[in-house]
C-alpha atoms as a PDB file:
ATOM      1  CA  UNK A   1       0.081  -0.036   0.198  1.00  0.00           C
ATOM      2  CA  UNK A   2       3.133   2.654   0.980  1.00  0.00           C
ATOM      3  CA  UNK A   3       4.220   1.933  -2.567  1.00  0.00           C
ATOM      4  CA  UNK A   4       1.308   2.107  -4.539  1.00  0.00           C
ATOM      5  CA  UNK A   5       0.446   5.633  -2.468  1.00  0.00           C
ATOM      6  CA  UNK A   6       3.997   7.192  -3.174  1.00  0.00           C
ATOM      7  CA  UNK A   7       3.861   6.271  -6.395  1.00  0.00           C
ATOM      8  CA  UNK A   8       0.476   8.087  -6.846  1.00  0.00           C
ATOM      9  CA  UNK A   9       2.229  11.441  -5.315  1.00  0.00           C
ATOM     10  CA  UNK A  10       5.325  11.383  -7.221  1.00  0.00           C
ATOM     11  CA  UNK A  11       2.427  10.370 -10.692  1.00  0.00           C
ATOM     12  CA  UNK A  12       0.573  13.966  -9.209  1.00  0.00           C
ATOM     13  CA  UNK A  13       3.352  15.944  -9.270  1.00  0.00           C
ATOM     14  CA  UNK A  14       4.917  14.545 -12.777  1.00  0.00           C
ATOM     15  CA  UNK A  15       1.792  14.333 -14.858  1.00  0.00           C
ATOM     16  CA  UNK A  16      -1.117  15.752 -12.890  1.00  0.00           C
ATOM     17  CA  UNK A  17       0.067  19.022 -11.548  1.00  0.00           C
ATOM     18  CA  UNK A  18       2.239  19.426 -15.277  1.00  0.00           C
ATOM     19  CA  UNK A  19      -1.232  18.382 -17.552  1.00  0.00           C
ATOM     20  CA  UNK A  20      -3.250  20.848 -15.551  1.00  0.00           C
ATOM     21  CA  UNK A  21      -1.060  24.118 -16.148  1.00  0.00           C
ATOM     22  CA  UNK A  22      -0.554  22.800 -20.004  1.00  0.00           C
ATOM     23  CA  UNK A  23      -4.265  22.641 -20.324  1.00  0.00           C
ATOM     24  CA  UNK A  24      -4.205  25.898 -18.381  1.00  0.00           C
ATOM     25  CA  UNK A  25      -1.618  27.527 -21.284  1.00  0.00           C
ATOM     26  CA  UNK A  26      -1.883  25.364 -24.510  1.00  0.00           C
ATOM     27  CA  UNK A  27      -5.568  24.186 -24.765  1.00  0.00           C
ATOM     28  CA  UNK A  28      -8.271  25.154 -27.286  1.00  0.00           C
ATOM     29  CA  UNK A  29     -11.133  23.490 -26.827  1.00  0.00           C
ATOM     30  CA  UNK A  30     -12.121  20.572 -24.692  1.00  0.00           C
ATOM     31  CA  UNK A  31      -9.402  18.764 -23.070  1.00  0.00           C
ATOM     32  CA  UNK A  32     -10.216  15.655 -20.913  1.00  0.00           C
ATOM     33  CA  UNK A  33      -7.924  13.954 -18.570  1.00  0.00           C
ATOM     34  CA  UNK A  34      -8.496  10.864 -16.413  1.00  0.00           C
ATOM     35  CA  UNK A  35      -6.245   9.262 -14.668  1.00  0.00           C
ATOM     36  CA  UNK A  36      -6.045   5.914 -12.144  1.00  0.00           C
ATOM     37  CA  UNK A  37      -3.048   5.023 -10.886  1.00  0.00           C
ATOM     38  CA  UNK A  38      -0.292   4.626 -13.922  1.00  0.00           C
ATOM     39  CA  UNK A  39      -3.433   3.938 -16.493  1.00  0.00           C
ATOM     40  CA  UNK A  40      -4.702   7.618 -18.331  1.00  0.00           C
ATOM     41  CA  UNK A  41      -6.946   8.838 -20.578  1.00  0.00           C
ATOM     42  CA  UNK A  42      -6.883  11.849 -22.289  1.00  0.00           C
ATOM     43  CA  UNK A  43      -9.036  13.523 -24.421  1.00  0.00           C
ATOM     44  CA  UNK A  44      -8.904  16.459 -27.214  1.00  0.00           C
ATOM     45  CA  UNK A  45     -10.795  17.834 -29.364  1.00  0.00           C
ATOM     46  CA  UNK A  46      -8.224  18.787 -31.808  1.00  0.00           C
ATOM     47  CA  UNK A  47      -5.903  16.008 -33.630  1.00  0.00           C
ATOM     48  CA  UNK A  48      -3.152  18.645 -33.415  1.00  0.00           C
ATOM     49  CA  UNK A  49      -3.219  19.215 -29.959  1.00  0.00           C
ATOM     50  CA  UNK A  50      -3.219  15.901 -29.129  1.00  0.00           C
ATOM     51  CA  UNK A  51      -0.011  15.421 -30.766  1.00  0.00           C
ATOM     52  CA  UNK A  52       1.818  18.644 -29.186  1.00  0.00           C
ATOM     53  CA  UNK A  53       0.713  16.900 -25.897  1.00  0.00           C
ATOM     54  CA  UNK A  54       1.932  13.614 -26.916  1.00  0.00           C
ATOM     55  CA  UNK A  55       5.205  14.747 -27.775  1.00  0.00           C
ATOM     56  CA  UNK A  56       6.061  17.106 -24.979  1.00  0.00           C
ATOM     57  CA  UNK A  57       4.790  14.513 -22.270  1.00  0.00           C
ATOM     58  CA  UNK A  58       7.175  12.359 -23.849  1.00  0.00           C
ATOM     59  CA  UNK A  59       9.649  15.029 -22.915  1.00  0.00           C
ATOM     60  CA  UNK A  60       8.476  15.836 -19.662  1.00  0.00           C
ATOM     61  CA  UNK A  61       8.394  11.840 -18.322  1.00  0.00           C
ATOM     62  CA  UNK A  62      12.244  11.784 -19.840  1.00  0.00           C
ATOM     63  CA  UNK A  63      13.137  14.778 -17.599  1.00  0.00           C
ATOM     64  CA  UNK A  64      12.236  12.071 -14.480  1.00  0.00           C
ATOM     65  CA  UNK A  65      14.006   8.655 -16.212  1.00  0.00           C
ATOM     66  CA  UNK A  66      10.640   7.904 -17.081  1.00  0.00           C
ATOM     67  CA  UNK A  67       8.871   6.647 -20.400  1.00  0.00           C
ATOM     68  CA  UNK A  68       5.479   5.879 -21.960  1.00  0.00           C
ATOM     69  CA  UNK A  69       4.682   2.219 -22.375  1.00  0.00           C
ATOM     70  CA  UNK A  70       4.728   1.983 -26.376  1.00  0.00           C
ATOM     71  CA  UNK A  71       2.480  -1.364 -26.705  1.00  0.00           C
ATOM     72  CA  UNK A  72      -0.442   0.808 -24.965  1.00  0.00           C
ATOM     73  CA  UNK A  73      -0.186   4.713 -26.180  1.00  0.00           C
ATOM     74  CA  UNK A  74      -2.120   5.190 -29.308  1.00  0.00           C
ATOM     75  CA  UNK A  75      -3.853   8.202 -30.283  1.00  0.00           C
ATOM     76  CA  UNK A  76      -7.201   7.316 -31.538  1.00  0.00           C
ATOM     77  CA  UNK A  77     -10.128   8.882 -33.699  1.00  0.00           C
ATOM     78  CA  UNK A  78     -12.792   8.494 -31.166  1.00  0.00           C
ATOM     79  CA  UNK A  79     -16.072  10.574 -30.196  1.00  0.00           C
ATOM     80  CA  UNK A  80     -19.376  12.126 -30.965  1.00  0.00           C
ATOM     81  CA  UNK A  81     -18.177  12.653 -34.720  1.00  0.00           C
ATOM     82  CA  UNK A  82     -15.690  10.239 -35.407  1.00  0.00           C
ATOM     83  CA  UNK A  83     -18.100   7.554 -37.081  1.00  0.00           C
ATOM     84  CA  UNK A  84     -18.894  10.071 -39.756  1.00  0.00           C
ATOM     85  CA  UNK A  85     -15.733  11.756 -40.205  1.00  0.00           C
ATOM     86  CA  UNK A  86     -14.137   7.766 -41.074  1.00  0.00           C
ATOM     87  CA  UNK A  87     -17.077   7.474 -43.150  1.00  0.00           C
ATOM     88  CA  UNK A  88     -16.414  10.176 -45.017  1.00  0.00           C
ATOM     89  CA  UNK A  89     -12.578   9.230 -45.406  1.00  0.00           C
ATOM     90  CA  UNK A  90     -13.357   5.568 -46.499  1.00  0.00           C
ATOM     91  CA  UNK A  91     -12.540   4.346 -43.461  1.00  0.00           C
ATOM     92  CA  UNK A  92     -13.918   1.461 -41.172  1.00  0.00           C
ATOM     93  CA  UNK A  93     -15.612   1.604 -37.540  1.00  0.00           C
ATOM     94  CA  UNK A  94     -14.015   3.940 -34.877  1.00  0.00           C
ATOM     95  CA  UNK A  95     -11.189   2.503 -32.930  1.00  0.00           C
ATOM     96  CA  UNK A  96     -11.953   1.048 -29.431  1.00  0.00           C
ATOM     97  CA  UNK A  97      -9.618   1.508 -26.249  1.00  0.00           C
ATOM     98  CA  UNK A  98      -9.201   0.114 -22.800  1.00  0.00           C
ATOM     99  CA  UNK A  99      -9.651   1.725 -19.764  1.00  0.00           C
ATOM    100  CA  UNK A 100      -9.927   0.355 -16.269  1.00  0.00           C
ATOM    101  CA  UNK A 101     -11.443  -3.253 -17.566  1.00  0.00           C
ATOM    102  CA  UNK A 102     -14.016  -2.299 -19.795  1.00  0.00           C
ATOM    103  CA  UNK A 103     -13.316  -1.722 -23.612  1.00  0.00           C
ATOM    104  CA  UNK A 104     -14.899   1.589 -24.703  1.00  0.00           C
ATOM    105  CA  UNK A 105     -16.420   1.846 -28.481  1.00  0.00           C
ATOM    106  CA  UNK A 106     -18.068   4.699 -30.011  1.00  0.00           C
ATOM    107  CA  UNK A 107     -22.143   3.520 -30.377  1.00  0.00           C
ATOM    108  CA  UNK A 108     -25.915   5.282 -30.715  1.00  0.00           C
ATOM    109  CA  UNK A 109     -28.410   5.273 -28.388  1.00  0.00           C
ATOM    110  CA  UNK A 110     -32.232   4.603 -28.995  1.00  0.00           C
ATOM    111  CA  UNK A 111     -32.441   8.065 -30.317  1.00  0.00           C
ATOM    112  CA  UNK A 112     -29.763   7.974 -32.820  1.00  0.00           C
ATOM    113  CA  UNK A 113     -27.210  10.283 -30.550  1.00  0.00           C
ATOM    114  CA  UNK A 114     -23.628   9.463 -29.879  1.00  0.00           C
ATOM    115  CA  UNK A 115     -22.713   7.190 -26.663  1.00  0.00           C
ATOM    116  CA  UNK A 116     -19.806   5.523 -25.209  1.00  0.00           C
ATOM    117  CA  UNK A 117     -20.719   2.038 -25.034  1.00  0.00           C
ATOM    118  CA  UNK A 118     -18.577  -0.081 -22.763  1.00  0.00           C
ATOM    119  CA  UNK A 119     -18.012  -3.589 -23.080  1.00  0.00           C
ATOM    120  CA  UNK A 120     -15.741  -6.230 -20.421  1.00  0.00           C
ATOM    121  CA  UNK A 121     -12.430  -6.315 -21.499  1.00  0.00           C
ATOM    122  CA  UNK A 122     -12.330  -9.661 -23.021  1.00  0.00           C
ATOM    123  CA  UNK A 123      -8.612 -10.342 -22.491  1.00  0.00           C
ATOM    124  CA  UNK A 124      -9.279  -9.242 -18.640  1.00  0.00           C
ATOM    125  CA  UNK A 125     -12.390 -11.474 -18.975  1.00  0.00           C
ATOM    126  CA  UNK A 126     -10.115 -14.445 -19.732  1.00  0.00           C
ATOM    127  CA  UNK A 127      -7.504 -14.383 -17.187  1.00  0.00           C
ATOM    128  CA  UNK A 128     -10.503 -13.898 -14.439  1.00  0.00           C
ATOM    129  CA  UNK A 129     -12.393 -17.235 -15.489  1.00  0.00           C
ATOM    130  CA  UNK A 130      -8.662 -18.976 -15.986  1.00  0.00           C
ATOM    131  CA  UNK A 131      -8.400 -17.797 -11.857  1.00  0.00           C
ATOM    132  CA  UNK A 132     -11.852 -19.483 -11.054  1.00  0.00           C
ATOM    133  CA  UNK A 133     -11.088 -22.444 -12.970  1.00  0.00           C
ATOM    134  CA  UNK A 134      -7.401 -23.056 -11.312  1.00  0.00           C
ATOM    135  CA  UNK A 135      -9.446 -21.833  -7.637  1.00  0.00           C
ATOM    136  CA  UNK A 136     -12.162 -24.329  -8.320  1.00  0.00           C
ATOM    137  CA  UNK A 137      -9.545 -27.074  -8.484  1.00  0.00           C
ATOM    138  CA  UNK A 138      -7.935 -26.422  -5.871  1.00  0.00           C
ATOM    139  CA  UNK A 139     -11.299 -26.314  -3.708  1.00  0.00           C
ATOM    140  CA  UNK A 140     -12.896 -29.580  -5.769  1.00  0.00           C
ATOM    141  CA  UNK A 141     -12.948 -31.651  -2.394  1.00  0.00           C
ATOM    142  CA  UNK A 142     -14.810 -29.109  -0.624  1.00  0.00           C
ATOM    143  CA  UNK A 143     -18.581 -29.465  -0.202  1.00  0.00           C
ATOM    144  CA  UNK A 144     -20.670 -27.917  -2.807  1.00  0.00           C
ATOM    145  CA  UNK A 145     -22.260 -26.040  -0.641  1.00  0.00           C
ATOM    146  CA  UNK A 146     -19.014 -24.047   0.208  1.00  0.00           C
ATOM    147  CA  UNK A 147     -18.018 -23.876  -3.328  1.00  0.00           C
ATOM    148  CA  UNK A 148     -21.090 -22.259  -4.376  1.00  0.00           C
ATOM    149  CA  UNK A 149     -20.815 -19.764  -1.462  1.00  0.00           C
ATOM    150  CA  UNK A 150     -17.715 -19.115  -2.867  1.00  0.00           C
ATOM    151  CA  UNK A 151     -19.121 -18.438  -6.070  1.00  0.00           C
ATOM    152  CA  UNK A 152     -21.976 -16.375  -5.098  1.00  0.00           C
ATOM    153  CA  UNK A 153     -19.053 -14.273  -3.673  1.00  0.00           C
ATOM    154  CA  UNK A 154     -16.704 -14.064  -7.150  1.00  0.00           C
ATOM    155  CA  UNK A 155     -19.548 -13.353  -9.501  1.00  0.00           C
ATOM    156  CA  UNK A 156     -21.667 -11.162  -7.266  1.00  0.00           C
ATOM    157  CA  UNK A 157     -18.080  -8.881  -6.983  1.00  0.00           C
ATOM    158  CA  UNK A 158     -17.554  -8.876 -10.799  1.00  0.00           C
ATOM    159  CA  UNK A 159     -20.819  -8.175 -11.930  1.00  0.00           C
ATOM    160  CA  UNK A 160     -21.245  -5.548  -9.744  1.00  0.00           C
ATOM    161  CA  UNK A 161     -18.306  -3.903 -11.183  1.00  0.00           C
ATOM    162  CA  UNK A 162     -19.216  -4.371 -14.265  1.00  0.00           C
ATOM    163  CA  UNK A 163     -22.986  -4.052 -14.557  1.00  0.00           C
ATOM    164  CA  UNK A 164     -22.993  -1.121 -16.946  1.00  0.00           C
ATOM    165  CA  UNK A 165     -25.717  -0.461 -19.313  1.00  0.00           C
ATOM    166  CA  UNK A 166     -25.280  -2.137 -22.929  1.00  0.00           C
ATOM    167  CA  UNK A 167     -22.989  -4.841 -20.962  1.00  0.00           C
ATOM    168  CA  UNK A 168     -25.096  -7.502 -20.555  1.00  0.00           C
ATOM    169  CA  UNK A 169     -24.436  -9.734 -23.131  1.00  0.00           C
ATOM    170  CA  UNK A 170     -20.709  -9.961 -22.368  1.00  0.00           C
ATOM    171  CA  UNK A 171     -21.683 -10.293 -18.521  1.00  0.00           C
ATOM    172  CA  UNK A 172     -24.088 -13.511 -19.789  1.00  0.00           C
ATOM    173  CA  UNK A 173     -21.478 -14.838 -21.509  1.00  0.00           C
ATOM    174  CA  UNK A 174     -19.432 -14.455 -18.033  1.00  0.00           C
ATOM    175  CA  UNK A 175     -22.112 -16.041 -16.211  1.00  0.00           C
ATOM    176  CA  UNK A 176     -22.362 -19.260 -18.660  1.00  0.00           C
ATOM    177  CA  UNK A 177     -18.475 -19.746 -18.774  1.00  0.00           C
ATOM    178  CA  UNK A 178     -18.524 -19.798 -14.893  1.00  0.00           C
ATOM    179  CA  UNK A 179     -21.339 -22.174 -14.909  1.00  0.00           C
ATOM    180  CA  UNK A 180     -19.555 -24.471 -17.656  1.00  0.00           C
ATOM    181  CA  UNK A 181     -16.609 -24.404 -15.469  1.00  0.00           C
ATOM    182  CA  UNK A 182     -18.244 -24.980 -12.067  1.00  0.00           C
ATOM    183  CA  UNK A 183     -20.271 -28.137 -13.752  1.00  0.00           C
ATOM    184  CA  UNK A 184     -16.996 -29.362 -14.858  1.00  0.00           C
ATOM    185  CA  UNK A 185     -15.287 -29.166 -11.674  1.00  0.00           C
ATOM    186  CA  UNK A 186     -18.172 -31.316 -10.041  1.00  0.00           C
ATOM    187  CA  UNK A 187     -18.558 -33.895 -12.885  1.00  0.00           C
ATOM    188  CA  UNK A 188     -14.215 -34.615 -12.420  1.00  0.00           C
ATOM    189  CA  UNK A 189     -15.213 -35.505  -8.691  1.00  0.00           C
ATOM    190  CA  UNK A 190     -17.570 -37.778  -9.584  1.00  0.00           C
ATOM    191  CA  UNK A 191     -16.603 -41.508 -10.088  1.00  0.00           C
ATOM    192  CA  UNK A 192     -19.671 -41.841 -12.744  1.00  0.00           C
ATOM    193  CA  UNK A 193     -18.764 -38.593 -14.246  1.00  0.00           C
ATOM    194  CA  UNK A 194     -22.305 -37.503 -14.277  1.00  0.00           C
ATOM    195  CA  UNK A 195     -24.190 -34.192 -13.356  1.00  0.00           C
ATOM    196  CA  UNK A 196     -27.535 -33.763 -14.952  1.00  0.00           C
ATOM    197  CA  UNK A 197     -28.101 -30.214 -16.644  1.00  0.00           C
ATOM    198  CA  UNK A 198     -31.514 -30.361 -14.203  1.00  0.00           C
ATOM    199  CA  UNK A 199     -29.894 -30.951 -11.079  1.00  0.00           C
ATOM    200  CA  UNK A 200     -27.090 -28.059 -12.084  1.00  0.00           C
ATOM    201  CA  UNK A 201     -28.936 -25.780 -13.092  1.00  0.00           C
ATOM    202  CA  UNK A 202     -30.124 -25.681  -9.143  1.00  0.00           C
ATOM    203  CA  UNK A 203     -27.543 -25.370  -7.824  1.00  0.00           C
ATOM    204  CA  UNK A 204     -26.371 -22.464 -10.329  1.00  0.00           C
ATOM    205  CA  UNK A 205     -29.624 -21.002 -10.149  1.00  0.00           C
ATOM    206  CA  UNK A 206     -28.839 -20.799  -6.160  1.00  0.00           C
ATOM    207  CA  UNK A 207     -25.519 -19.618  -6.268  1.00  0.00           C
ATOM    208  CA  UNK A 208     -24.765 -17.842  -9.133  1.00  0.00           C
ATOM    209  CA  UNK A 209     -26.010 -14.688  -9.834  1.00  0.00           C
ATOM    210  CA  UNK A 210     -27.605 -13.282 -13.085  1.00  0.00           C
ATOM    211  CA  UNK A 211     -26.374 -10.138 -14.415  1.00  0.00           C
ATOM    212  CA  UNK A 212     -28.521  -7.376 -14.035  1.00  0.00           C
ATOM    213  CA  UNK A 213     -28.026  -2.998 -14.565  1.00  0.00           C
ATOM    214  CA  UNK A 214     -26.110  -1.811 -11.206  1.00  0.00           C
ATOM    215  CA  UNK A 215     -24.907   1.325 -12.677  1.00  0.00           C
ATOM    216  CA  UNK A 216     -26.985   4.365 -14.415  1.00  0.00           C
ATOM    217  CA  UNK A 217     -25.487   5.459 -17.979  1.00  0.00           C
ATOM    218  CA  UNK A 218     -22.967   8.391 -17.084  1.00  0.00           C
ATOM    219  CA  UNK A 219     -24.970  11.503 -18.215  1.00  0.00           C
ATOM    220  CA  UNK A 220     -27.370  10.168 -15.443  1.00  0.00           C
ATOM    221  CA  UNK A 221     -25.024  10.304 -12.986  1.00  0.00           C
ATOM    222  CA  UNK A 222     -23.557  13.371 -13.422  1.00  0.00           C
ATOM    223  CA  UNK A 223     -26.255  15.229 -14.026  1.00  0.00           C
ATOM    224  CA  UNK A 224     -27.731  14.388  -9.904  1.00  0.00           C
ATOM    225  CA  UNK A 225     -27.456  17.805  -7.706  1.00  0.00           C
ATOM    226  CA  UNK A 226     -26.374  17.316  -4.275  1.00  0.00           C
END
């Protein structure tokens, strides 16, 4: 915890304060900066400003012996007009980006207006499923009730974080994958290797929560008043 706190304090000086000054001195149009630990997303209205910021950020970090992760650093066209502008240039759909466990995509709402669609990051989801599979192997001799209670906690926590509008289909896939992993684990410990879906379905209904939206759309949250 101490190391994480010190790293955040260091980045607050190296990045946050500098970025705030850069925005005040050089920005034209909107500039949005979001940082969590050492992962950041910066949004600009104009491409040329994004390019300038990236060059100067690299220079700023180099002064402290730091550098950007080249494999995770990209300039992409994203936002309300990205799809339309790319169509005019004969390009495909806007690129996506991953941040805080979600893949962010340009999308539209039911009224046809722009919205950011957030989907569970597939790579992160696969990693979580592999961890669940390995833990089920470790717990293979535990009573079914104990396994089920553990899965309830794990799946509930996962769903509570990822249950944002537009993400239900992917979360349904996550739950189905967890069910398959648990059924396989239970079958392996049975000499007859039989576990009917009807019986397992009852266990899944008891212990593995079904996904539901737990968070409102961002614009609804930000529009609230206290």
